Amino acid sequence: QVQLVESGGGLVQAGGSLRLSCAASGRTFSTFSGYAMGWFRQAPGKEREFVAAISGSGGSTRSADLVKGRFTISRDNAKNTVSLQMNSLKPEDTAVYYCALSRYNNPGLGPGAYAYWGQGTQVTVSS
């Protein structure tokens, strides 16, 4: 089994920054670098939406149009972690943010490709 634990959420004013981290552990973790990781978010009353994803090596990333130029995803395979640097935050970024581990090494796939999910961390951006 694989466990994903997010951290770094909190309350920040509009225009501020936060850095989310996700630590992965479990029996499969000799192969962490073989799988894409992603960040998703869900705001109250809305469906979960894609934020950003990164390939196993970290060489390929993609992000949602809403966050391009503001959010950056990265990973450290030596530490089995993935991070999301969020700058220029807006009130509409308020949501619970989830990290997820894909079944594949392709950051371009949808939520159905992700086999494991963390419990989420709350990000609240005040205006």
Foldseek 3Di string as FASTA:
>chain_A
DKAKAKDWADEEAAQAKIKMKIAMDDDPLVCQLFWKKFKWWDDPPGDIGGAKIAFSPRPDIDGDPVQPPFKDWGDDSVRRMIMIIGGRDDQVVWTWMKMFIFPGRDRPDDPVRTDDIHPTDTHGYHD
